[in-house]
Amino acid sequence: MATLTKQTVIRAGLAPSYVSMNAGGDEFANNNVEFIHAKCTGGSPIIITIVTSKTVDGLAIADRTVTVPVNEDRMIGPFDKSIYNDANGSVQLAYSDPDGGTIAIIAPGSSS
């Protein structure tokens, strides 16, 4: 599992850097504003699972899944910390088939 680095949008513009999706999953530090930009250039769609580790009245909250079709991309998020963060303050991601998948974690810049 790799820890993905957040990239912040700035007024001068952000040219995001993308990394390959890790077969063992990825994680990123979450502060309620980050979102995922995922791309699929492989031969089959990629299902991204955003893990929830919380429960309500003892019942597990279902994980969120998003499908990224071949030759398309998806922007996903933001993620409520009270639902998606693990004990370390990170969101955990898993992929059905990461081949041909790239990902970037994007956050808004300061409004000042």
N, C-alpha and C. Protein backbone atom coordinates (compact mmCIF):
# COMPACT_ATOMS: atom_id res chain seq x y z
N MET A 1 0.85 -1.18 0.00
CA MET A 1 0.00 0.00 0.00
C MET A 1 0.89 1.23 0.00
N ALA A 2 0.54 2.17 -0.87
CA ALA A 2 1.30 3.41 -0.96
C ALA A 2 0.49 4.55 -0.37
N THR A 3 1.19 5.53 0.19
CA THR A 3 0.55 6.75 0.68
C THR A 3 0.66 7.80 -0.41
N LEU A 4 -0.49 8.28 -0.87
CA LEU A 4 -0.53 9.27 -1.95
C LEU A 4 -0.39 10.68 -1.37
N THR A 5 0.35 11.51 -2.07
CA THR A 5 0.59 12.89 -1.63
C THR A 5 -0.46 13.82 -2.21
N LYS A 6 -1.02 14.64 -1.36
CA LYS A 6 -2.02 15.62 -1.78
C LYS A 6 -1.35 16.72 -2.60
N GLN A 7 -2.04 17.15 -3.67
CA GLN A 7 -1.60 18.26 -4.50
C GLN A 7 -2.63 19.38 -4.37
N THR A 8 -2.17 20.60 -4.16
CA THR A 8 -3.07 21.71 -3.89
C THR A 8 -3.21 22.60 -5.12
N VAL A 9 -4.46 22.93 -5.44
CA VAL A 9 -4.76 23.82 -6.55
C VAL A 9 -4.35 25.24 -6.15
N ILE A 10 -3.70 25.94 -7.07
CA ILE A 10 -3.29 27.32 -6.83
C ILE A 10 -3.83 28.21 -7.95
N ARG A 11 -3.87 29.51 -7.70
CA ARG A 11 -4.43 30.43 -8.69
C ARG A 11 -3.65 30.41 -10.00
N ALA A 12 -2.36 30.19 -9.94
CA ALA A 12 -1.54 30.14 -11.16
C ALA A 12 -1.77 28.86 -11.94
N GLY A 13 -2.47 27.91 -11.34
CA GLY A 13 -2.79 26.65 -12.02
C GLY A 13 -1.99 25.49 -11.47
N LEU A 14 -2.60 24.33 -11.48
CA LEU A 14 -1.96 23.09 -11.06
C LEU A 14 -1.93 22.13 -12.23
N ALA A 15 -0.76 21.63 -12.55
CA ALA A 15 -0.61 20.54 -13.51
C ALA A 15 -0.38 19.30 -12.66
N PRO A 16 -1.45 18.56 -12.34
CA PRO A 16 -1.31 17.45 -11.41
C PRO A 16 -0.39 16.35 -11.92
N SER A 17 0.27 15.71 -10.98
CA SER A 17 1.08 14.53 -11.26
C SER A 17 0.26 13.31 -10.88
N TYR A 18 0.30 12.30 -11.73
CA TYR A 18 -0.44 11.07 -11.50
C TYR A 18 0.52 9.93 -11.24
N VAL A 19 0.11 9.01 -10.38
CA VAL A 19 0.90 7.81 -10.08
C VAL A 19 0.05 6.59 -10.41
N SER A 20 0.72 5.49 -10.65
CA SER A 20 0.01 4.24 -10.92
C SER A 20 -0.71 3.76 -9.67
N MET A 21 -1.90 3.21 -9.87
CA MET A 21 -2.64 2.60 -8.76
C MET A 21 -1.88 1.38 -8.29
N ASN A 22 -1.77 1.22 -7.00
CA ASN A 22 -1.03 0.13 -6.39
C ASN A 22 -1.92 -1.11 -6.26
N ALA A 23 -1.44 -2.26 -6.67
CA ALA A 23 -2.22 -3.50 -6.59
C ALA A 23 -2.66 -3.79 -5.16
N GLY A 24 -1.86 -3.37 -4.18
CA GLY A 24 -2.21 -3.58 -2.77
C GLY A 24 -3.06 -2.48 -2.18
N GLY A 25 -3.48 -1.51 -3.01
CA GLY A 25 -4.29 -0.40 -2.53
C GLY A 25 -3.44 0.83 -2.25
N ASP A 26 -4.09 1.92 -1.96
CA ASP A 26 -3.44 3.18 -1.63
C ASP A 26 -4.18 3.83 -0.48
N GLU A 27 -3.59 4.89 0.07
CA GLU A 27 -4.24 5.67 1.11
C GLU A 27 -3.80 7.12 0.98
N PHE A 28 -4.60 8.03 1.56
CA PHE A 28 -4.21 9.44 1.60
C PHE A 28 -4.78 10.08 2.85
N ALA A 29 -4.06 11.07 3.37
CA ALA A 29 -4.51 11.83 4.54
C ALA A 29 -5.73 12.66 4.12
N ASN A 30 -6.77 12.62 4.93
CA ASN A 30 -8.05 13.26 4.58
C ASN A 30 -8.43 14.33 5.58
N ASN A 31 -8.75 15.53 5.05
CA ASN A 31 -9.22 16.65 5.88
C ASN A 31 -10.57 17.17 5.42
N ASN A 32 -11.39 16.35 4.81
CA ASN A 32 -12.74 16.70 4.34
C ASN A 32 -12.77 17.51 3.05
N VAL A 33 -11.64 17.82 2.44
CA VAL A 33 -11.67 18.65 1.23
C VAL A 33 -11.02 17.97 0.02
N GLU A 34 -10.26 16.94 0.23
CA GLU A 34 -9.55 16.26 -0.85
C GLU A 34 -10.51 15.50 -1.75
N PHE A 35 -10.09 15.37 -3.01
CA PHE A 35 -10.82 14.49 -3.90
C PHE A 35 -9.84 13.70 -4.74
N ILE A 36 -10.35 12.62 -5.31
CA ILE A 36 -9.56 11.71 -6.14
C ILE A 36 -9.81 12.06 -7.60
N HIS A 37 -8.75 12.11 -8.39
CA HIS A 37 -8.90 12.16 -9.85
C HIS A 37 -8.27 10.87 -10.36
N ALA A 38 -9.11 9.97 -10.86
CA ALA A 38 -8.67 8.65 -11.31
C ALA A 38 -8.87 8.52 -12.81
N LYS A 39 -7.89 7.90 -13.48
CA LYS A 39 -7.95 7.67 -14.92
C LYS A 39 -7.76 6.19 -15.21
N CYS A 40 -8.44 5.71 -16.26
CA CYS A 40 -8.31 4.31 -16.67
C CYS A 40 -7.91 4.25 -18.14
N THR A 41 -6.72 3.74 -18.41
CA THR A 41 -6.27 3.57 -19.79
C THR A 41 -5.99 2.10 -20.09
N GLY A 42 -6.38 1.21 -19.18
CA GLY A 42 -6.16 -0.22 -19.37
C GLY A 42 -7.25 -0.84 -20.23
N GLY A 43 -7.27 -2.15 -20.25
CA GLY A 43 -8.20 -2.87 -21.10
C GLY A 43 -9.55 -3.15 -20.47
N SER A 44 -9.70 -2.86 -19.17
CA SER A 44 -10.98 -3.09 -18.51
C SER A 44 -11.24 -1.99 -17.50
N PRO A 45 -12.52 -1.75 -17.19
CA PRO A 45 -12.85 -0.72 -16.20
C PRO A 45 -12.22 -1.04 -14.85
N ILE A 46 -12.00 0.01 -14.07
CA ILE A 46 -11.45 -0.15 -12.72
C ILE A 46 -12.53 0.23 -11.72
N ILE A 47 -12.80 -0.65 -10.78
CA ILE A 47 -13.71 -0.32 -9.69
C ILE A 47 -12.86 0.11 -8.50
N ILE A 48 -13.06 1.35 -8.07
CA ILE A 48 -12.36 1.87 -6.90
C ILE A 48 -13.27 1.71 -5.70
N THR A 49 -12.75 1.08 -4.66
CA THR A 49 -13.48 0.94 -3.41
C THR A 49 -12.90 1.90 -2.40
N ILE A 50 -13.74 2.80 -1.88
CA ILE A 50 -13.34 3.72 -0.83
C ILE A 50 -13.86 3.12 0.46
N VAL A 51 -12.95 2.69 1.31
CA VAL A 51 -13.28 1.90 2.49
C VAL A 51 -13.87 2.77 3.59
N THR A 52 -14.92 2.28 4.21
CA THR A 52 -15.45 2.89 5.43
C THR A 52 -15.18 1.94 6.58
N SER A 53 -14.71 2.49 7.67
CA SER A 53 -14.41 1.63 8.82
C SER A 53 -15.35 1.90 9.99
N LYS A 54 -16.35 2.72 9.76
CA LYS A 54 -17.27 3.12 10.83
C LYS A 54 -18.52 2.24 10.85
N THR A 55 -19.23 2.33 11.98
CA THR A 55 -20.50 1.63 12.13
C THR A 55 -21.54 2.60 12.69
N VAL A 56 -22.80 2.27 12.47
CA VAL A 56 -23.93 2.99 13.05
C VAL A 56 -24.79 1.96 13.75
N ASP A 57 -24.99 2.14 15.03
CA ASP A 57 -25.76 1.18 15.83
C ASP A 57 -25.25 -0.24 15.64
N GLY A 58 -23.93 -0.39 15.55
CA GLY A 58 -23.32 -1.70 15.41
C GLY A 58 -23.34 -2.27 14.00
N LEU A 59 -23.91 -1.53 13.06
CA LEU A 59 -23.98 -2.00 11.67
C LEU A 59 -22.92 -1.29 10.84
N ALA A 60 -22.22 -2.06 10.03
CA ALA A 60 -21.17 -1.49 9.19
C ALA A 60 -21.76 -0.58 8.12
N ILE A 61 -21.10 0.55 7.89
CA ILE A 61 -21.46 1.42 6.78
C ILE A 61 -20.82 0.82 5.54
N ALA A 62 -21.61 0.66 4.49
CA ALA A 62 -21.10 0.02 3.26
C ALA A 62 -20.01 0.88 2.62
N ASP A 63 -19.01 0.20 2.07
CA ASP A 63 -17.97 0.89 1.33
C ASP A 63 -18.57 1.55 0.09
N ARG A 64 -17.99 2.66 -0.32
CA ARG A 64 -18.40 3.35 -1.56
C ARG A 64 -17.60 2.75 -2.70
N THR A 65 -18.23 2.46 -3.82
CA THR A 65 -17.52 2.01 -5.01
C THR A 65 -17.84 2.94 -6.17
N VAL A 66 -16.83 3.19 -6.99
CA VAL A 66 -16.98 4.03 -8.18
C VAL A 66 -16.26 3.32 -9.32
N THR A 67 -16.94 3.18 -10.45
CA THR A 67 -16.34 2.55 -11.62
C THR A 67 -15.78 3.62 -12.55
N VAL A 68 -14.53 3.40 -12.97
CA VAL A 68 -13.89 4.27 -13.95
C VAL A 68 -13.82 3.47 -15.26
N PRO A 69 -14.65 3.83 -16.25
CA PRO A 69 -14.66 3.09 -17.52
C PRO A 69 -13.34 3.27 -18.28
N VAL A 70 -13.09 2.34 -19.20
CA VAL A 70 -11.88 2.39 -20.03
C VAL A 70 -11.84 3.71 -20.80
N ASN A 71 -10.66 4.32 -20.83
CA ASN A 71 -10.41 5.59 -21.53
C ASN A 71 -11.24 6.75 -21.00
N GLU A 72 -11.61 6.68 -19.73
CA GLU A 72 -12.32 7.77 -19.07
C GLU A 72 -11.66 8.08 -17.74
N ASP A 73 -12.13 9.14 -17.10
CA ASP A 73 -11.63 9.49 -15.78
C ASP A 73 -12.80 9.89 -14.90
N ARG A 74 -12.56 9.91 -13.60
CA ARG A 74 -13.58 10.31 -12.63
C ARG A 74 -12.93 11.16 -11.55
N MET A 75 -13.68 12.17 -11.10
CA MET A 75 -13.31 12.96 -9.93
C MET A 75 -14.27 12.53 -8.83
N ILE A 76 -13.71 12.14 -7.68
CA ILE A 76 -14.50 11.52 -6.63
C ILE A 76 -14.19 12.23 -5.31
N GLY A 77 -15.22 12.61 -4.57
CA GLY A 77 -15.00 13.21 -3.27
C GLY A 77 -15.82 14.48 -3.10
N PRO A 78 -15.63 15.21 -2.04
CA PRO A 78 -14.74 14.96 -0.90
C PRO A 78 -15.29 13.87 0.02
N PHE A 79 -14.53 13.57 1.06
CA PHE A 79 -14.83 12.44 1.94
C PHE A 79 -14.95 12.90 3.39
N ASP A 80 -16.13 12.72 3.96
CA ASP A 80 -16.40 13.11 5.34
C ASP A 80 -15.48 12.31 6.28
N LYS A 81 -14.71 13.03 7.08
CA LYS A 81 -13.76 12.37 7.99
C LYS A 81 -14.44 11.41 8.95
N SER A 82 -15.66 11.74 9.38
CA SER A 82 -16.34 10.91 10.36
C SER A 82 -16.78 9.57 9.79
N ILE A 83 -16.79 9.45 8.47
CA ILE A 83 -17.21 8.20 7.83
C ILE A 83 -16.04 7.45 7.20
N TYR A 84 -15.15 8.17 6.52
CA TYR A 84 -14.13 7.52 5.70
C TYR A 84 -12.75 7.40 6.34
N ASN A 85 -12.43 8.24 7.33
CA ASN A 85 -11.08 8.18 7.90
C ASN A 85 -10.90 6.95 8.77
N ASP A 86 -9.71 6.35 8.62
CA ASP A 86 -9.36 5.25 9.52
C ASP A 86 -8.77 5.86 10.81
N ALA A 87 -8.25 5.02 11.68
CA ALA A 87 -7.71 5.49 12.96
C ALA A 87 -6.52 6.43 12.79
N ASN A 88 -5.87 6.40 11.63
CA ASN A 88 -4.72 7.26 11.37
C ASN A 88 -5.09 8.52 10.58
N GLY A 89 -6.37 8.76 10.36
CA GLY A 89 -6.81 9.95 9.63
C GLY A 89 -6.66 9.84 8.12
N SER A 90 -6.61 8.60 7.63
CA SER A 90 -6.44 8.38 6.20
C SER A 90 -7.64 7.67 5.60
N VAL A 91 -7.82 7.87 4.29
CA VAL A 91 -8.82 7.14 3.52
C VAL A 91 -8.09 6.00 2.82
N GLN A 92 -8.67 4.81 2.90
CA GLN A 92 -8.09 3.62 2.29
C GLN A 92 -8.80 3.33 0.96
N LEU A 93 -8.01 3.03 -0.07
CA LEU A 93 -8.54 2.74 -1.40
C LEU A 93 -8.12 1.34 -1.84
N ALA A 94 -9.01 0.65 -2.53
CA ALA A 94 -8.71 -0.64 -3.14
C ALA A 94 -9.20 -0.59 -4.58
N TYR A 95 -8.57 -1.39 -5.45
CA TYR A 95 -8.88 -1.37 -6.87
C TYR A 95 -9.16 -2.78 -7.37
N SER A 96 -10.16 -2.91 -8.25
CA SER A 96 -10.50 -4.21 -8.81
C SER A 96 -9.37 -4.72 -9.71
N ASP A 97 -8.80 -3.85 -10.52
CA ASP A 97 -7.72 -4.20 -11.45
C ASP A 97 -6.97 -2.91 -11.77
N PRO A 98 -5.89 -2.64 -11.05
CA PRO A 98 -5.23 -1.35 -11.19
C PRO A 98 -4.41 -1.17 -12.47
N ASP A 99 -4.28 -2.23 -13.29
CA ASP A 99 -3.48 -2.10 -14.52
C ASP A 99 -4.06 -1.00 -15.40
N GLY A 100 -3.23 -0.06 -15.78
CA GLY A 100 -3.67 1.05 -16.62
C GLY A 100 -4.37 2.15 -15.84
N GLY A 101 -4.38 2.06 -14.52
CA GLY A 101 -5.01 3.08 -13.70
C GLY A 101 -4.00 4.04 -13.11
N THR A 102 -4.31 5.33 -13.17
CA THR A 102 -3.48 6.34 -12.52
C THR A 102 -4.37 7.19 -11.64
N ILE A 103 -3.74 7.83 -10.65
CA ILE A 103 -4.52 8.54 -9.63
C ILE A 103 -3.75 9.74 -9.13
N ALA A 104 -4.50 10.78 -8.75
CA ALA A 104 -3.92 11.96 -8.09
C ALA A 104 -4.92 12.38 -7.00
N ILE A 105 -4.39 12.88 -5.89
CA ILE A 105 -5.21 13.41 -4.83
C ILE A 105 -5.10 14.93 -4.89
N ILE A 106 -6.24 15.60 -5.05
CA ILE A 106 -6.28 17.04 -5.27
C ILE A 106 -7.03 17.71 -4.11
N ALA A 107 -6.54 18.87 -3.69
CA ALA A 107 -7.21 19.66 -2.66
C ALA A 107 -7.28 21.11 -3.11
N PRO A 108 -8.34 21.81 -2.69
CA PRO A 108 -8.43 23.23 -3.05
C PRO A 108 -7.35 24.03 -2.33
N GLY A 109 -6.96 25.14 -2.94
CA GLY A 109 -6.01 26.03 -2.29
C GLY A 109 -6.71 26.96 -1.32
N SER A 110 -5.94 27.79 -0.70
CA SER A 110 -6.46 28.77 0.24
C SER A 110 -7.25 29.83 -0.50
N SER A 111 -8.32 30.31 0.13
CA SER A 111 -9.14 31.35 -0.49
C SER A 111 -8.59 32.74 -0.19
N SER A 112 -7.52 32.81 0.58
CA SER A 112 -6.96 34.12 0.91
C SER A 112 -5.86 34.51 -0.04
